Structure formats: structure tokens, C-alpha cells
């Protein structure tokens, strides 16, 4: 992504899914959104955790539809859910070539 877009914004989140908080199981989920800095379009997504296949499939549709970060920010997420974490990502690091 960095080679193609030259400057990208990266949003990451690592969290313990709600259904594991009631047990002693310490399983975490990691999510990364990659946003083109110039257009603010969603251009990449990485996820490690439960339901990664289904969520990645949905995100690929958003990438193909050229959704931007503000579209995600303005979406009302389901609570409690992993997708809620995607819609509320605010901490960003910018990388550029």
C-alpha cells in the first residue's frame, strides 16, 4: 500500500472480544485499517482473530466501493461486536515514502 499510495494512514486496534471477557481465556483480536492519506479511501485491511474471514469479506466490498474513513466513522456500529471496533478506530499513524 505504501508503494502504491506513497502516504498512508494506519489505524490499529488490539482488543479482547467481549465473549472472552467472561472467562479466563485471554484471546485477543487485532485489526488494521489502511487509508490512502490523499483521498482518505479505505485501501487495505488486516485482521487476526475470530470471524476474520467473514469480516474481511465484508471489508473487501467496502474497498471495492471506494468507501472512505469518514464513511466508516459515520456508521452506527452494532454493539457489542467486533465490527464496532472497526467503526470507532481513531488512533492513527501516518507513513510515507
N, C-alpha and C. Protein backbone atom coordinates (compact mmCIF):
# COMPACT_ATOMS: atom_id res chain seq x y z
N UNK A 1 0.83 -1.19 0.00
CA UNK A 1 0.00 0.00 0.00
C UNK A 1 0.87 1.25 0.00
N UNK A 2 1.94 1.21 0.76
CA UNK A 2 2.81 2.38 0.85
C UNK A 2 3.46 2.68 -0.49
N UNK A 3 3.86 1.63 -1.21
CA UNK A 3 4.46 1.83 -2.54
C UNK A 3 3.46 2.44 -3.52
N UNK A 4 2.24 1.96 -3.46
CA UNK A 4 1.21 2.42 -4.40
C UNK A 4 0.70 3.82 -4.08
N UNK A 5 0.47 4.11 -2.82
CA UNK A 5 -0.17 5.38 -2.45
C UNK A 5 0.79 6.44 -1.91
N UNK A 6 2.03 6.07 -1.64
CA UNK A 6 3.09 6.98 -1.18
C UNK A 6 2.92 7.48 0.25
N UNK A 7 1.70 7.75 0.67
CA UNK A 7 1.45 8.21 2.04
C UNK A 7 0.13 7.59 2.51
N UNK A 8 0.22 6.83 3.59
CA UNK A 8 -0.97 6.13 4.09
C UNK A 8 -1.16 6.42 5.58
N UNK A 9 -2.40 6.34 6.01
CA UNK A 9 -2.75 6.44 7.42
C UNK A 9 -3.11 5.04 7.90
N UNK A 10 -2.55 4.64 9.01
CA UNK A 10 -2.79 3.30 9.54
C UNK A 10 -3.48 3.40 10.89
N UNK A 11 -4.61 2.72 10.99
CA UNK A 11 -5.37 2.66 12.24
C UNK A 11 -5.30 1.22 12.74
N UNK A 12 -4.95 1.03 13.99
CA UNK A 12 -4.87 -0.32 14.54
C UNK A 12 -5.64 -0.42 15.85
N UNK A 13 -6.07 -1.63 16.12
CA UNK A 13 -6.74 -1.90 17.39
C UNK A 13 -6.45 -3.34 17.79
N UNK A 14 -6.15 -3.54 19.04
CA UNK A 14 -5.98 -4.87 19.60
C UNK A 14 -6.87 -4.92 20.84
N UNK A 15 -7.73 -5.90 20.90
CA UNK A 15 -8.69 -5.94 22.00
C UNK A 15 -9.08 -7.38 22.32
N UNK A 16 -9.66 -7.55 23.47
CA UNK A 16 -10.19 -8.84 23.91
C UNK A 16 -11.68 -8.84 23.61
N UNK A 17 -12.14 -9.72 22.72
CA UNK A 17 -13.57 -9.76 22.39
C UNK A 17 -14.43 -9.99 23.63
N UNK A 18 -15.59 -9.37 23.63
CA UNK A 18 -16.48 -9.41 24.79
C UNK A 18 -16.77 -10.83 25.26
N UNK A 19 -16.99 -11.76 24.32
CA UNK A 19 -17.36 -13.11 24.76
C UNK A 19 -16.22 -13.84 25.44
N UNK A 20 -15.00 -13.34 25.40
CA UNK A 20 -13.89 -13.93 26.15
C UNK A 20 -13.68 -13.24 27.49
N UNK A 21 -14.28 -12.09 27.70
CA UNK A 21 -14.06 -11.37 28.97
C UNK A 21 -14.75 -12.05 30.15
N UNK A 22 -15.71 -12.89 29.88
CA UNK A 22 -16.42 -13.58 30.95
C UNK A 22 -15.73 -14.87 31.38
N UNK A 23 -14.64 -15.21 30.71
CA UNK A 23 -13.91 -16.43 31.04
C UNK A 23 -12.45 -16.09 31.34
N UNK A 24 -11.69 -17.12 31.62
CA UNK A 24 -10.26 -16.93 31.85
C UNK A 24 -9.46 -17.02 30.55
N UNK A 25 -10.13 -17.17 29.44
CA UNK A 25 -9.45 -17.28 28.15
C UNK A 25 -8.97 -15.90 27.72
N UNK A 26 -7.68 -15.77 27.47
CA UNK A 26 -7.12 -14.47 27.10
C UNK A 26 -6.80 -14.45 25.60
N UNK A 27 -7.82 -14.48 24.79
CA UNK A 27 -7.67 -14.41 23.33
C UNK A 27 -7.94 -12.98 22.90
N UNK A 28 -7.08 -12.47 22.01
CA UNK A 28 -7.21 -11.09 21.54
C UNK A 28 -7.46 -11.08 20.04
N UNK A 29 -8.00 -9.99 19.56
CA UNK A 29 -8.22 -9.75 18.14
C UNK A 29 -7.41 -8.52 17.75
N UNK A 30 -6.82 -8.57 16.56
CA UNK A 30 -6.04 -7.45 16.03
C UNK A 30 -6.65 -7.01 14.71
N UNK A 31 -6.84 -5.71 14.55
CA UNK A 31 -7.41 -5.15 13.32
C UNK A 31 -6.55 -3.98 12.86
N UNK A 32 -6.33 -3.90 11.54
CA UNK A 32 -5.60 -2.76 10.97
C UNK A 32 -6.34 -2.27 9.73
N UNK A 33 -6.63 -0.98 9.70
CA UNK A 33 -7.19 -0.32 8.52
C UNK A 33 -6.08 0.47 7.85
N UNK A 34 -6.02 0.41 6.53
CA UNK A 34 -5.05 1.19 5.77
C UNK A 34 -5.83 2.17 4.90
N UNK A 35 -5.55 3.45 5.10
CA UNK A 35 -6.28 4.53 4.44
C UNK A 35 -5.31 5.33 3.57
N UNK A 36 -5.67 5.59 2.31
CA UNK A 36 -4.87 6.47 1.46
C UNK A 36 -4.97 7.88 2.04
N UNK A 37 -3.84 8.47 2.38
CA UNK A 37 -3.84 9.78 3.03
C UNK A 37 -4.46 10.86 2.15
N UNK A 38 -4.23 10.81 0.85
CA UNK A 38 -4.71 11.87 -0.05
C UNK A 38 -6.24 11.83 -0.23
N UNK A 39 -6.77 10.67 -0.54
CA UNK A 39 -8.21 10.56 -0.82
C UNK A 39 -9.03 10.17 0.40
N UNK A 40 -8.34 9.67 1.44
CA UNK A 40 -8.98 9.15 2.65
C UNK A 40 -9.80 7.89 2.38
N UNK A 41 -9.52 7.22 1.25
CA UNK A 41 -10.19 5.96 0.91
C UNK A 41 -9.59 4.80 1.68
N UNK A 42 -10.45 3.86 2.05
CA UNK A 42 -10.02 2.60 2.64
C UNK A 42 -9.37 1.78 1.53
N UNK A 43 -8.09 1.42 1.70
CA UNK A 43 -7.39 0.69 0.65
C UNK A 43 -6.84 -0.65 1.12
N UNK A 44 -6.91 -0.93 2.42
CA UNK A 44 -6.42 -2.20 2.91
C UNK A 44 -6.96 -2.52 4.29
N UNK A 45 -6.91 -3.80 4.62
CA UNK A 45 -7.46 -4.27 5.90
C UNK A 45 -6.74 -5.55 6.29
N UNK A 46 -6.34 -5.65 7.53
CA UNK A 46 -5.77 -6.88 8.08
C UNK A 46 -6.52 -7.20 9.36
N UNK A 47 -6.74 -8.49 9.60
CA UNK A 47 -7.39 -8.90 10.84
C UNK A 47 -6.90 -10.27 11.24
N UNK A 48 -6.62 -10.43 12.53
CA UNK A 48 -6.30 -11.72 13.11
C UNK A 48 -7.25 -11.90 14.29
N UNK A 49 -8.04 -12.95 14.24
CA UNK A 49 -8.98 -13.20 15.33
C UNK A 49 -10.21 -13.94 14.84
N UNK A 50 -11.12 -14.19 15.78
CA UNK A 50 -12.36 -14.88 15.44
C UNK A 50 -13.13 -14.10 14.38
N UNK A 51 -13.77 -14.81 13.49
CA UNK A 51 -14.62 -14.24 12.44
C UNK A 51 -13.85 -13.39 11.43
N UNK A 52 -12.53 -13.55 11.37
CA UNK A 52 -11.72 -12.75 10.43
C UNK A 52 -12.14 -12.98 8.98
N UNK A 53 -12.46 -14.21 8.61
CA UNK A 53 -12.83 -14.49 7.22
C UNK A 53 -14.09 -13.73 6.81
N UNK A 54 -15.12 -13.78 7.64
CA UNK A 54 -16.37 -13.11 7.30
C UNK A 54 -16.21 -11.59 7.28
N UNK A 55 -15.52 -11.05 8.26
CA UNK A 55 -15.35 -9.59 8.33
C UNK A 55 -14.48 -9.10 7.19
N UNK A 56 -13.43 -9.85 6.85
CA UNK A 56 -12.57 -9.47 5.73
C UNK A 56 -13.35 -9.47 4.42
N UNK A 57 -14.23 -10.43 4.23
CA UNK A 57 -15.06 -10.48 3.02
C UNK A 57 -15.94 -9.23 2.92
N UNK A 58 -16.53 -8.82 4.01
CA UNK A 58 -17.37 -7.61 4.01
C UNK A 58 -16.52 -6.37 3.73
N UNK A 59 -15.35 -6.28 4.37
CA UNK A 59 -14.48 -5.12 4.16
C UNK A 59 -14.01 -5.05 2.72
N UNK A 60 -13.79 -6.20 2.07
CA UNK A 60 -13.35 -6.18 0.67
C UNK A 60 -14.40 -5.51 -0.22
N UNK A 61 -15.66 -5.68 0.10
CA UNK A 61 -16.73 -4.99 -0.63
C UNK A 61 -16.63 -3.48 -0.42
N UNK A 62 -16.35 -3.06 0.80
CA UNK A 62 -16.20 -1.63 1.08
C UNK A 62 -15.01 -1.04 0.32
N UNK A 63 -13.92 -1.79 0.24
CA UNK A 63 -12.75 -1.33 -0.52
C UNK A 63 -13.11 -1.17 -1.99
N UNK A 64 -13.80 -2.16 -2.55
CA UNK A 64 -14.21 -2.09 -3.96
C UNK A 64 -15.17 -0.95 -4.24
N UNK A 65 -15.96 -0.57 -3.26
CA UNK A 65 -16.92 0.53 -3.41
C UNK A 65 -16.30 1.89 -3.09
N UNK A 66 -14.99 1.89 -2.80
CA UNK A 66 -14.24 3.13 -2.55
C UNK A 66 -14.76 3.92 -1.35
N UNK A 67 -15.08 3.19 -0.30
CA UNK A 67 -15.54 3.81 0.95
C UNK A 67 -14.37 4.57 1.58
N UNK A 68 -14.65 5.72 2.18
CA UNK A 68 -13.57 6.46 2.84
C UNK A 68 -13.71 6.38 4.36
N UNK A 69 -12.71 6.89 5.06
CA UNK A 69 -12.68 6.78 6.52
C UNK A 69 -13.88 7.47 7.17
N UNK A 70 -14.29 8.60 6.64
CA UNK A 70 -15.44 9.29 7.25
C UNK A 70 -16.72 8.49 7.08
N UNK A 71 -16.84 7.70 6.00
CA UNK A 71 -18.00 6.81 5.85
C UNK A 71 -18.03 5.80 7.00
N UNK A 72 -16.88 5.25 7.33
CA UNK A 72 -16.81 4.31 8.45
C UNK A 72 -17.13 5.01 9.77
N UNK A 73 -16.57 6.19 9.95
CA UNK A 73 -16.79 6.95 11.19
C UNK A 73 -18.25 7.32 11.39
N UNK A 74 -18.98 7.52 10.30
CA UNK A 74 -20.38 7.95 10.38
C UNK A 74 -21.36 6.79 10.37
N UNK A 75 -20.86 5.57 10.46
CA UNK A 75 -21.71 4.38 10.51
C UNK A 75 -22.00 4.04 11.97
N UNK A 76 -23.23 3.71 12.25
CA UNK A 76 -23.59 3.31 13.61
C UNK A 76 -23.33 1.81 13.72
N UNK A 77 -22.34 1.42 14.53
CA UNK A 77 -21.98 0.00 14.62
C UNK A 77 -22.91 -0.78 15.53
N UNK A 78 -22.95 -2.08 15.30
CA UNK A 78 -23.69 -2.97 16.20
C UNK A 78 -22.90 -3.11 17.49
N UNK A 79 -23.61 -3.12 18.61
CA UNK A 79 -22.94 -3.26 19.90
C UNK A 79 -23.55 -4.42 20.65
N UNK A 80 -22.79 -5.27 21.25
CA UNK A 80 -21.34 -5.38 21.17
C UNK A 80 -20.95 -6.26 19.98
N UNK A 81 -19.94 -5.85 19.26
CA UNK A 81 -19.46 -6.65 18.13
C UNK A 81 -18.03 -6.26 17.77
N UNK A 82 -17.38 -7.14 17.03
CA UNK A 82 -16.04 -6.83 16.54
C UNK A 82 -16.10 -5.71 15.52
N UNK A 83 -17.15 -5.68 14.71
CA UNK A 83 -17.27 -4.62 13.70
C UNK A 83 -17.39 -3.25 14.35
N UNK A 84 -17.88 -3.20 15.56
CA UNK A 84 -17.95 -1.93 16.31
C UNK A 84 -16.55 -1.34 16.46
N UNK A 85 -15.58 -2.20 16.67
CA UNK A 85 -14.20 -1.74 16.84
C UNK A 85 -13.69 -1.08 15.55
N UNK A 86 -14.08 -1.61 14.39
CA UNK A 86 -13.66 -1.05 13.10
C UNK A 86 -14.23 0.35 12.93
N UNK A 87 -15.48 0.55 13.30
CA UNK A 87 -16.15 1.83 13.10
C UNK A 87 -15.69 2.91 14.06
N UNK A 88 -15.00 2.52 15.12
CA UNK A 88 -14.61 3.52 16.13
C UNK A 88 -13.10 3.72 16.22
N UNK A 89 -12.36 3.25 15.23
CA UNK A 89 -10.90 3.39 15.26
C UNK A 89 -10.51 4.85 15.05
N UNK A 90 -9.74 5.40 15.98
CA UNK A 90 -9.36 6.82 15.91
C UNK A 90 -7.85 7.05 15.97
N UNK A 91 -7.11 6.14 16.60
CA UNK A 91 -5.67 6.32 16.73
C UNK A 91 -4.98 5.99 15.41
N UNK A 92 -4.19 6.95 14.89
CA UNK A 92 -3.62 6.81 13.57
C UNK A 92 -2.13 7.09 13.58
N UNK A 93 -1.44 6.39 12.69
CA UNK A 93 -0.03 6.65 12.40
C UNK A 93 0.06 6.86 10.90
N UNK A 94 0.74 7.92 10.45
CA UNK A 94 0.92 8.17 9.02
C UNK A 94 2.30 7.71 8.61
N UNK A 95 2.36 6.98 7.49
CA UNK A 95 3.64 6.54 6.93
C UNK A 95 3.72 7.03 5.50
N UNK A 96 4.93 7.43 5.08
CA UNK A 96 5.10 7.85 3.70
C UNK A 96 6.48 7.48 3.20
N UNK A 97 6.57 7.40 1.87
CA UNK A 97 7.84 7.08 1.23
C UNK A 97 8.66 8.35 1.13
